[in-house]
Amino acid sequence: MPQAQTGLVTFDGKGVVTSGTYTINSTDPTGEVGRGTFTGTYVINSDCTGTFESHPDIGGSLHYDLVVLSPTELVAMASDVGGSQIYSAKKIRGAEER
């Protein structure tokens, strides 16, 4: 079932996702919307590839492979069996000041 998703994630620069939020909106006729939070861990390699493990508030864990495109942008793809999510993330200007 197709979905649209948005959210905010905070990477601490040391391998920990200190906070994250998400909103998922289903495009099927029921129009289901899910909201939640997550934390996690990540590793960035010297070639700008890496992995991310998310721990959503509903339990379990999700895994992603990622590529850092610049100091302000990354892309990620779900690496769990059956996962089909692809994400693009950009740094919010001034976010480090909050």
PDB file of N, CA and C in Angstrom:
ATOM      1  N   MET A   1       0.840  -1.168   0.000  1.00  0.00           N
ATOM      2  CA  MET A   1       0.000   0.000   0.000  1.00  0.00           C
ATOM      3  C   MET A   1       0.894   1.242   0.000  1.00  0.00           C
ATOM      4  N   PRO A   2       0.697   2.168  -0.923  1.00  0.00           N
ATOM      5  CA  PRO A   2       1.507   3.392  -0.988  1.00  0.00           C
ATOM      6  C   PRO A   2       1.310   4.245   0.263  1.00  0.00           C
ATOM      7  N   GLN A   3       2.371   4.938   0.652  1.00  0.00           N
ATOM      8  CA  GLN A   3       2.328   5.813   1.817  1.00  0.00           C
ATOM      9  C   GLN A   3       3.140   7.068   1.536  1.00  0.00           C
ATOM     10  N   ALA A   4       2.831   8.115   2.265  1.00  0.00           N
ATOM     11  CA  ALA A   4       3.662   9.317   2.297  1.00  0.00           C
ATOM     12  C   ALA A   4       4.101   9.486   3.741  1.00  0.00           C
ATOM     13  N   GLN A   5       5.355   9.904   3.929  1.00  0.00           N
ATOM     14  CA  GLN A   5       5.867  10.020   5.293  1.00  0.00           C
ATOM     15  C   GLN A   5       6.720  11.267   5.423  1.00  0.00           C
ATOM     16  N   THR A   6       6.654  11.890   6.588  1.00  0.00           N
ATOM     17  CA  THR A   6       7.493  13.036   6.902  1.00  0.00           C
ATOM     18  C   THR A   6       7.903  12.940   8.363  1.00  0.00           C
ATOM     19  N   GLY A   7       8.911  13.699   8.758  1.00  0.00           N
ATOM     20  CA  GLY A   7       9.323  13.679  10.146  1.00  0.00           C
ATOM     21  C   GLY A   7      10.552  14.520  10.379  1.00  0.00           C
ATOM     22  N   LEU A   8      11.033  14.479  11.592  1.00  0.00           N
ATOM     23  CA  LEU A   8      12.208  15.228  12.006  1.00  0.00           C
ATOM     24  C   LEU A   8      13.095  14.281  12.797  1.00  0.00           C
ATOM     25  N   VAL A   9      14.397  14.283  12.497  1.00  0.00           N
ATOM     26  CA  VAL A   9      15.327  13.412  13.202  1.00  0.00           C
ATOM     27  C   VAL A   9      16.536  14.242  13.643  1.00  0.00           C
ATOM     28  N   THR A  10      17.050  13.932  14.848  1.00  0.00           N
ATOM     29  CA  THR A  10      18.218  14.629  15.379  1.00  0.00           C
ATOM     30  C   THR A  10      19.363  13.636  15.543  1.00  0.00           C
ATOM     31  N   PHE A  11      20.431  13.821  14.746  1.00  0.00           N
ATOM     32  CA  PHE A  11      21.661  13.037  14.842  1.00  0.00           C
ATOM     33  C   PHE A  11      22.620  13.803  15.730  1.00  0.00           C
ATOM     34  N   ASP A  12      23.253  13.135  16.702  1.00  0.00           N
ATOM     35  CA  ASP A  12      24.126  13.844  17.635  1.00  0.00           C
ATOM     36  C   ASP A  12      25.560  14.010  17.144  1.00  0.00           C
ATOM     37  N   GLY A  13      25.903  13.443  15.986  1.00  0.00           N
ATOM     38  CA  GLY A  13      27.272  13.548  15.478  1.00  0.00           C
ATOM     39  C   GLY A  13      28.203  12.507  16.073  1.00  0.00           C
ATOM     40  N   LYS A  14      27.689  11.658  16.962  1.00  0.00           N
ATOM     41  CA  LYS A  14      28.506  10.654  17.644  1.00  0.00           C
ATOM     42  C   LYS A  14      27.922   9.256  17.529  1.00  0.00           C
ATOM     43  N   GLY A  15      26.943   9.062  16.622  1.00  0.00           N
ATOM     44  CA  GLY A  15      26.383   7.738  16.409  1.00  0.00           C
ATOM     45  C   GLY A  15      25.048   7.466  17.065  1.00  0.00           C
ATOM     46  N   VAL A  16      24.440   8.489  17.649  1.00  0.00           N
ATOM     47  CA  VAL A  16      23.157   8.288  18.316  1.00  0.00           C
ATOM     48  C   VAL A  16      22.111   9.233  17.718  1.00  0.00           C
ATOM     49  N   VAL A  17      20.940   8.682  17.432  1.00  0.00           N
ATOM     50  CA  VAL A  17      19.783   9.497  17.073  1.00  0.00           C
ATOM     51  C   VAL A  17      19.076   9.776  18.390  1.00  0.00           C
ATOM     52  N   THR A  18      19.143  11.022  18.823  1.00  0.00           N
ATOM     53  CA  THR A  18      18.605  11.366  20.134  1.00  0.00           C
ATOM     54  C   THR A  18      17.100  11.537  20.137  1.00  0.00           C
ATOM     55  N   SER A  19      16.526  11.884  18.977  1.00  0.00           N
ATOM     56  CA  SER A  19      15.078  12.000  18.879  1.00  0.00           C
ATOM     57  C   SER A  19      14.647  11.971  17.421  1.00  0.00           C
ATOM     58  N   GLY A  20      13.446  11.507  17.211  1.00  0.00           N
ATOM     59  CA  GLY A  20      12.869  11.502  15.879  1.00  0.00           C
ATOM     60  C   GLY A  20      11.359  11.457  15.980  1.00  0.00           C
ATOM     61  N   THR A  21      10.704  12.047  14.993  1.00  0.00           N
ATOM     62  CA  THR A  21       9.251  12.002  14.904  1.00  0.00           C
ATOM     63  C   THR A  21       8.874  11.561  13.502  1.00  0.00           C
ATOM     64  N   TYR A  22       7.691  10.983  13.366  1.00  0.00           N
ATOM     65  CA  TYR A  22       7.231  10.616  12.035  1.00  0.00           C
ATOM     66  C   TYR A  22       5.715  10.724  11.953  1.00  0.00           C
ATOM     67  N   THR A  23       5.245  11.015  10.748  1.00  0.00           N
ATOM     68  CA  THR A  23       3.834  10.969  10.406  1.00  0.00           C
ATOM     69  C   THR A  23       3.732  10.187   9.114  1.00  0.00           C
ATOM     70  N   ILE A  24       2.943   9.130   9.109  1.00  0.00           N
ATOM     71  CA  ILE A  24       2.733   8.308   7.920  1.00  0.00           C
ATOM     72  C   ILE A  24       1.282   8.452   7.507  1.00  0.00           C
ATOM     73  N   ASN A  25       1.057   8.759   6.236  1.00  0.00           N
ATOM     74  CA  ASN A  25      -0.291   8.907   5.699  1.00  0.00           C
ATOM     75  C   ASN A  25      -0.476   7.896   4.588  1.00  0.00           C
ATOM     76  N   SER A  26      -1.404   6.990   4.772  1.00  0.00           N
ATOM     77  CA  SER A  26      -1.716   5.987   3.768  1.00  0.00           C
ATOM     78  C   SER A  26      -2.488   6.636   2.624  1.00  0.00           C
ATOM     79  N   THR A  27      -2.217   6.182   1.411  1.00  0.00           N
ATOM     80  CA  THR A  27      -2.957   6.717   0.262  1.00  0.00           C
ATOM     81  C   THR A  27      -4.129   5.823  -0.125  1.00  0.00           C
ATOM     82  N   ASP A  28      -4.425   4.813   0.689  1.00  0.00           N
ATOM     83  CA  ASP A  28      -5.592   3.982   0.378  1.00  0.00           C
ATOM     84  C   ASP A  28      -6.871   4.709   0.831  1.00  0.00           C
ATOM     85  N   PRO A  29      -8.040   4.245   0.412  1.00  0.00           N
ATOM     86  CA  PRO A  29      -9.298   4.954   0.707  1.00  0.00           C
ATOM     87  C   PRO A  29      -9.597   5.154   2.188  1.00  0.00           C
ATOM     88  N   THR A  30      -9.030   4.329   3.076  1.00  0.00           N
ATOM     89  CA  THR A  30      -9.308   4.506   4.508  1.00  0.00           C
ATOM     90  C   THR A  30      -8.595   5.720   5.074  1.00  0.00           C
ATOM     91  N   GLY A  31      -7.528   6.165   4.397  1.00  0.00           N
ATOM     92  CA  GLY A  31      -6.818   7.376   4.795  1.00  0.00           C
ATOM     93  C   GLY A  31      -6.194   7.313   6.167  1.00  0.00           C
ATOM     94  N   GLU A  32      -5.677   6.172   6.552  1.00  0.00           N
ATOM     95  CA  GLU A  32      -5.082   6.010   7.878  1.00  0.00           C
ATOM     96  C   GLU A  32      -3.865   6.924   8.050  1.00  0.00           C
ATOM     97  N   VAL A  33      -3.725   7.491   9.251  1.00  0.00           N
ATOM     98  CA  VAL A  33      -2.577   8.326   9.593  1.00  0.00           C
ATOM     99  C   VAL A  33      -1.968   7.778  10.872  1.00  0.00           C
ATOM    100  N   GLY A  34      -0.639   7.601  10.866  1.00  0.00           N
ATOM    101  CA  GLY A  34       0.059   7.148  12.059  1.00  0.00           C
ATOM    102  C   GLY A  34       1.124   8.153  12.448  1.00  0.00           C
ATOM    103  N   ARG A  35       1.255   8.404  13.739  1.00  0.00           N
ATOM    104  CA  ARG A  35       2.275   9.324  14.243  1.00  0.00           C
ATOM    105  C   ARG A  35       3.034   8.636  15.363  1.00  0.00           C
ATOM    106  N   GLY A  36       4.312   8.986  15.488  1.00  0.00           N
ATOM    107  CA  GLY A  36       5.084   8.398  16.565  1.00  0.00           C
ATOM    108  C   GLY A  36       6.451   9.025  16.705  1.00  0.00           C
ATOM    109  N   THR A  37       7.244   8.419  17.564  1.00  0.00           N
ATOM    110  CA  THR A  37       8.603   8.890  17.820  1.00  0.00           C
ATOM    111  C   THR A  37       9.562   7.711  17.739  1.00  0.00           C
ATOM    112  N   PHE A  38      10.847   8.010  17.644  1.00  0.00           N
ATOM    113  CA  PHE A  38      11.865   6.970  17.616  1.00  0.00           C
ATOM    114  C   PHE A  38      13.204   7.525  18.088  1.00  0.00           C
ATOM    115  N   THR A  39      14.090   6.617  18.439  1.00  0.00           N
ATOM    116  CA  THR A  39      15.493   6.900  18.698  1.00  0.00           C
ATOM    117  C   THR A  39      16.280   5.905  17.873  1.00  0.00           C
ATOM    118  N   GLY A  40      17.592   5.902  17.985  1.00  0.00           N
ATOM    119  CA  GLY A  40      18.352   4.925  17.227  1.00  0.00           C
ATOM    120  C   GLY A  40      19.845   5.152  17.289  1.00  0.00           C
ATOM    121  N   THR A  41      20.536   4.369  16.475  1.00  0.00           N
ATOM    122  CA  THR A  41      21.985   4.483  16.360  1.00  0.00           C
ATOM    123  C   THR A  41      22.360   4.461  14.881  1.00  0.00           C
ATOM    124  N   TYR A  42      23.530   5.016  14.573  1.00  0.00           N
ATOM    125  CA  TYR A  42      23.996   5.044  13.190  1.00  0.00           C
ATOM    126  C   TYR A  42      25.508   4.976  13.140  1.00  0.00           C
ATOM    127  N   VAL A  43      26.011   4.553  11.987  1.00  0.00           N
ATOM    128  CA  VAL A  43      27.449   4.504  11.723  1.00  0.00           C
ATOM    129  C   VAL A  43      27.667   5.116  10.350  1.00  0.00           C
ATOM    130  N   ILE A  44      28.612   6.040  10.247  1.00  0.00           N
ATOM    131  CA  ILE A  44      28.989   6.628   8.962  1.00  0.00           C
ATOM    132  C   ILE A  44      30.430   6.220   8.682  1.00  0.00           C
ATOM    133  N   ASN A  45      30.665   5.587   7.528  1.00  0.00           N
ATOM    134  CA  ASN A  45      32.002   5.147   7.124  1.00  0.00           C
ATOM    135  C   ASN A  45      32.759   6.280   6.435  1.00  0.00           C
ATOM    136  N   SER A  46      34.060   6.106   6.263  1.00  0.00           N
ATOM    137  CA  SER A  46      34.897   7.140   5.642  1.00  0.00           C
ATOM    138  C   SER A  46      34.509   7.425   4.197  1.00  0.00           C
ATOM    139  N   ASP A  47      33.814   6.491   3.529  1.00  0.00           N
ATOM    140  CA  ASP A  47      33.376   6.719   2.141  1.00  0.00           C
ATOM    141  C   ASP A  47      31.972   7.324   2.062  1.00  0.00           C
ATOM    142  N   CYS A  48      31.454   7.796   3.188  1.00  0.00           N
ATOM    143  CA  CYS A  48      30.145   8.459   3.297  1.00  0.00           C
ATOM    144  C   CYS A  48      28.957   7.508   3.198  1.00  0.00           C
ATOM    145  N   THR A  49      29.176   6.199   3.216  1.00  0.00           N
ATOM    146  CA  THR A  49      28.083   5.237   3.331  1.00  0.00           C
ATOM    147  C   THR A  49      27.890   4.929   4.807  1.00  0.00           C
ATOM    148  N   GLY A  50      26.779   4.327   5.137  1.00  0.00           N
ATOM    149  CA  GLY A  50      26.567   3.987   6.528  1.00  0.00           C
ATOM    150  C   GLY A  50      25.307   3.181   6.743  1.00  0.00           C
ATOM    151  N   THR A  51      24.998   2.980   8.014  1.00  0.00           N
ATOM    152  CA  THR A  51      23.797   2.249   8.409  1.00  0.00           C
ATOM    153  C   THR A  51      23.104   3.013   9.532  1.00  0.00           C
ATOM    154  N   PHE A  52      21.813   2.768   9.655  1.00  0.00           N
ATOM    155  CA  PHE A  52      21.001   3.395  10.683  1.00  0.00           C
ATOM    156  C   PHE A  52      20.032   2.355  11.220  1.00  0.00           C
ATOM    157  N   GLU A  53      19.939   2.247  12.538  1.00  0.00           N
ATOM    158  CA  GLU A  53      18.969   1.363  13.178  1.00  0.00           C
ATOM    159  C   GLU A  53      18.014   2.218  13.993  1.00  0.00           C
ATOM    160  N   SER A  54      16.736   2.153  13.647  1.00  0.00           N
ATOM    161  CA  SER A  54      15.696   2.941  14.297  1.00  0.00           C
ATOM    162  C   SER A  54      14.943   2.077  15.300  1.00  0.00           C
ATOM    163  N   HIS A  55      14.608   2.679  16.448  1.00  0.00           N
ATOM    164  CA  HIS A  55      13.822   2.011  17.491  1.00  0.00           C
ATOM    165  C   HIS A  55      12.544   2.815  17.713  1.00  0.00           C
ATOM    166  N   PRO A  56      11.476   2.492  16.959  1.00  0.00           N
ATOM    167  CA  PRO A  56      10.233   3.248  17.097  1.00  0.00           C
ATOM    168  C   PRO A  56       9.537   2.999  18.434  1.00  0.00           C
ATOM    169  N   ASP A  57       8.735   3.969  18.832  1.00  0.00           N
ATOM    170  CA  ASP A  57       8.019   3.874  20.108  1.00  0.00           C
ATOM    171  C   ASP A  57       7.022   2.721  20.142  1.00  0.00           C
ATOM    172  N   ILE A  58       6.661   2.168  18.994  1.00  0.00           N
ATOM    173  CA  ILE A  58       5.721   1.040  18.964  1.00  0.00           C
ATOM    174  C   ILE A  58       6.430  -0.305  19.115  1.00  0.00           C
ATOM    175  N   GLY A  59       7.761  -0.268  19.261  1.00  0.00           N
ATOM    176  CA  GLY A  59       8.533  -1.479  19.475  1.00  0.00           C
ATOM    177  C   GLY A  59       9.248  -1.951  18.226  1.00  0.00           C
ATOM    178  N   GLY A  60      10.165  -2.888  18.422  1.00  0.00           N
ATOM    179  CA  GLY A  60      10.932  -3.445  17.317  1.00  0.00           C
ATOM    180  C   GLY A  60      12.057  -2.536  16.872  1.00  0.00           C
ATOM    181  N   SER A  61      12.628  -2.868  15.730  1.00  0.00           N
ATOM    182  CA  SER A  61      13.679  -2.041  15.150  1.00  0.00           C
ATOM    183  C   SER A  61      13.593  -2.120  13.630  1.00  0.00           C
ATOM    184  N   LEU A  62      14.028  -1.055  12.984  1.00  0.00           N
ATOM    185  CA  LEU A  62      14.063  -0.959  11.531  1.00  0.00           C
ATOM    186  C   LEU A  62      15.484  -0.618  11.125  1.00  0.00           C
ATOM    187  N   HIS A  63      15.918  -1.120   9.969  1.00  0.00           N
ATOM    188  CA  HIS A  63      17.301  -0.945   9.529  1.00  0.00           C
ATOM    189  C   HIS A  63      17.354  -0.283   8.160  1.00  0.00           C
ATOM    190  N   TYR A  64      18.369   0.573   7.982  1.00  0.00           N
ATOM    191  CA  TYR A  64      18.518   1.328   6.745  1.00  0.00           C
ATOM    192  C   TYR A  64      19.982   1.392   6.343  1.00  0.00           C
ATOM    193  N   ASP A  65      20.227   1.384   5.032  1.00  0.00           N
ATOM    194  CA  ASP A  65      21.531   1.726   4.483  1.00  0.00           C
ATOM    195  C   ASP A  65      21.429   3.176   4.043  1.00  0.00           C
ATOM    196  N   LEU A  66      22.491   3.937   4.219  1.00  0.00           N
ATOM    197  CA  LEU A  66      22.419   5.343   3.865  1.00  0.00           C
ATOM    198  C   LEU A  66      23.688   5.824   3.186  1.00  0.00           C
ATOM    199  N   VAL A  67      23.561   6.967   2.524  1.00  0.00           N
ATOM    200  CA  VAL A  67      24.687   7.650   1.892  1.00  0.00           C
ATOM    201  C   VAL A  67      24.581   9.124   2.264  1.00  0.00           C
ATOM    202  N   VAL A  68      25.658   9.676   2.811  1.00  0.00           N
ATOM    203  CA  VAL A  68      25.715  11.097   3.113  1.00  0.00           C
ATOM    204  C   VAL A  68      26.159  11.804   1.837  1.00  0.00           C
ATOM    205  N   LEU A  69      25.290  12.666   1.302  1.00  0.00           N
ATOM    206  CA  LEU A  69      25.574  13.353   0.047  1.00  0.00           C
ATOM    207  C   LEU A  69      26.369  14.641   0.254  1.00  0.00           C
ATOM    208  N   SER A  70      26.174  15.266   1.404  1.00  0.00           N
ATOM    209  CA  SER A  70      26.874  16.505   1.751  1.00  0.00           C
ATOM    210  C   SER A  70      26.735  16.689   3.258  1.00  0.00           C
ATOM    211  N   PRO A  71      27.362  17.706   3.831  1.00  0.00           N
ATOM    212  CA  PRO A  71      27.193  17.933   5.268  1.00  0.00           C
ATOM    213  C   PRO A  71      25.752  18.242   5.677  1.00  0.00           C
ATOM    214  N   THR A  72      24.879  18.504   4.705  1.00  0.00           N
ATOM    215  CA  THR A  72      23.499  18.860   5.029  1.00  0.00           C
ATOM    216  C   THR A  72      22.449  17.951   4.411  1.00  0.00           C
ATOM    217  N   GLU A  73      22.862  16.838   3.779  1.00  0.00           N
ATOM    218  CA  GLU A  73      21.880  16.001   3.087  1.00  0.00           C
ATOM    219  C   GLU A  73      22.300  14.538   3.072  1.00  0.00           C
ATOM    220  N   LEU A  74      21.303  13.652   3.245  1.00  0.00           N
ATOM    221  CA  LEU A  74      21.543  12.217   3.123  1.00  0.00           C
ATOM    222  C   LEU A  74      20.352  11.538   2.482  1.00  0.00           C
ATOM    223  N   VAL A  75      20.585  10.347   1.955  1.00  0.00           N
ATOM    224  CA  VAL A  75      19.515   9.492   1.450  1.00  0.00           C
ATOM    225  C   VAL A  75      19.657   8.140   2.136  1.00  0.00           C
ATOM    226  N   ALA A  76      18.537   7.463   2.324  1.00  0.00           N
ATOM    227  CA  ALA A  76      18.548   6.166   2.997  1.00  0.00           C
ATOM    228  C   ALA A  76      17.508   5.259   2.371  1.00  0.00           C
ATOM    229  N   MET A  77      17.748   3.948   2.489  1.00  0.00           N
ATOM    230  CA  MET A  77      16.826   2.955   1.968  1.00  0.00           C
ATOM    231  C   MET A  77      16.685   1.839   2.995  1.00  0.00           C
ATOM    232  N   ALA A  78      15.452   1.387   3.210  1.00  0.00           N
ATOM    233  CA  ALA A  78      15.207   0.299   4.154  1.00  0.00           C
ATOM    234  C   ALA A  78      15.979  -0.942   3.731  1.00  0.00           C
ATOM    235  N   SER A  79      16.615  -1.604   4.687  1.00  0.00           N
ATOM    236  CA  SER A  79      17.384  -2.812   4.371  1.00  0.00           C
ATOM    237  C   SER A  79      16.794  -4.071   5.001  1.00  0.00           C
ATOM    238  N   ASP A  80      15.653  -3.958   5.678  1.00  0.00           N
ATOM    239  CA  ASP A  80      14.974  -5.130   6.209  1.00  0.00           C
ATOM    240  C   ASP A  80      14.234  -5.855   5.082  1.00  0.00           C
ATOM    241  N   VAL A  81      14.086  -7.169   5.219  1.00  0.00           N
ATOM    242  CA  VAL A  81      13.328  -7.949   4.238  1.00  0.00           C
ATOM    243  C   VAL A  81      11.917  -7.384   4.161  1.00  0.00           C
ATOM    244  N   GLY A  82      11.457  -7.115   2.955  1.00  0.00           N
ATOM    245  CA  GLY A  82      10.127  -6.573   2.753  1.00  0.00           C
ATOM    246  C   GLY A  82      10.042  -5.062   2.844  1.00  0.00           C
ATOM    247  N   GLY A  83      11.139  -4.417   3.243  1.00  0.00           N
ATOM    248  CA  GLY A  83      11.135  -2.951   3.337  1.00  0.00           C
ATOM    249  C   GLY A  83      11.265  -2.320   1.971  1.00  0.00           C
ATOM    250  N   SER A  84      10.534  -1.243   1.748  1.00  0.00           N
ATOM    251  CA  SER A  84      10.630  -0.577   0.455  1.00  0.00           C
ATOM    252  C   SER A  84      10.713   0.941   0.595  1.00  0.00           C
ATOM    253  N   GLN A  85      10.976   1.422   1.786  1.00  0.00           N
ATOM    254  CA  GLN A  85      11.040   2.862   1.993  1.00  0.00           C
ATOM    255  C   GLN A  85      12.359   3.435   1.486  1.00  0.00           C
ATOM    256  N   ILE A  86      12.251   4.605   0.879  1.00  0.00           N
ATOM    257  CA  ILE A  86      13.414   5.381   0.462  1.00  0.00           C
ATOM    258  C   ILE A  86      13.228   6.771   1.054  1.00  0.00           C
ATOM    259  N   TYR A  87      14.267   7.301   1.700  1.00  0.00           N
ATOM    260  CA  TYR A  87      14.176   8.587   2.378  1.00  0.00           C
ATOM    261  C   TYR A  87      15.218   9.554   1.862  1.00  0.00           C
ATOM    262  N   SER A  88      14.865  10.820   1.888  1.00  0.00           N
ATOM    263  CA  SER A  88      15.780  11.913   1.607  1.00  0.00           C
ATOM    264  C   SER A  88      15.689  12.848   2.807  1.00  0.00           C
ATOM    265  N   ALA A  89      16.830  13.256   3.348  1.00  0.00           N
ATOM    266  CA  ALA A  89      16.830  14.115   4.529  1.00  0.00           C
ATOM    267  C   ALA A  89      17.741  15.307   4.299  1.00  0.00           C
ATOM    268  N   LYS A  90      17.298  16.459   4.761  1.00  0.00           N
ATOM    269  CA  LYS A  90      18.085  17.691   4.661  1.00  0.00           C
ATOM    270  C   LYS A  90      18.129  18.359   6.013  1.00  0.00           C
ATOM    271  N   LYS A  91      19.279  18.954   6.310  1.00  0.00           N
ATOM    272  CA  LYS A  91      19.448  19.673   7.554  1.00  0.00           C
ATOM    273  C   LYS A  91      18.610  20.946   7.525  1.00  0.00           C
ATOM    274  N   ILE A  92      17.918  21.193   8.623  1.00  0.00           N
ATOM    275  CA  ILE A  92      17.145  22.409   8.750  1.00  0.00           C
ATOM    276  C   ILE A  92      18.084  23.508   9.200  1.00  0.00           C
ATOM    277  N   ARG A  93      18.111  24.580   8.476  1.00  0.00           N
ATOM    278  CA  ARG A  93      18.997  25.698   8.785  1.00  0.00           C
ATOM    279  C   ARG A  93      18.733  26.193  10.200  1.00  0.00           C
ATOM    280  N   GLY A  94      19.799  26.292  10.990  1.00  0.00           N
ATOM    281  CA  GLY A  94      19.688  26.777  12.341  1.00  0.00           C
ATOM    282  C   GLY A  94      19.217  25.744  13.347  1.00  0.00           C
ATOM    283  N   ALA A  95      19.002  24.508  12.925  1.00  0.00           N
ATOM    284  CA  ALA A  95      18.473  23.491  13.831  1.00  0.00           C
ATOM    285  C   ALA A  95      19.410  23.237  15.005  1.00  0.00           C
ATOM    286  N   GLU A  96      20.720  23.372  14.780  1.00  0.00           N
ATOM    287  CA  GLU A  96      21.669  23.119  15.875  1.00  0.00           C
ATOM    288  C   GLU A  96      21.562  24.133  16.983  1.00  0.00           C
ATOM    289  N   GLU A  97      20.858  25.232  16.736  1.00  0.00           N
ATOM    290  CA  GLU A  97      20.725  26.285  17.740  1.00  0.00           C
ATOM    291  C   GLU A  97      19.517  26.075  18.642  1.00  0.00           C
ATOM    292  N   ARG A  98      18.671  25.080  18.336  1.00  0.00           N
ATOM    293  CA  ARG A  98      17.449  24.870  19.141  1.00  0.00           C
ATOM    294  C   ARG A  98      17.731  24.138  20.403  1.00  0.00           C
TER     295      ARG A  98
END
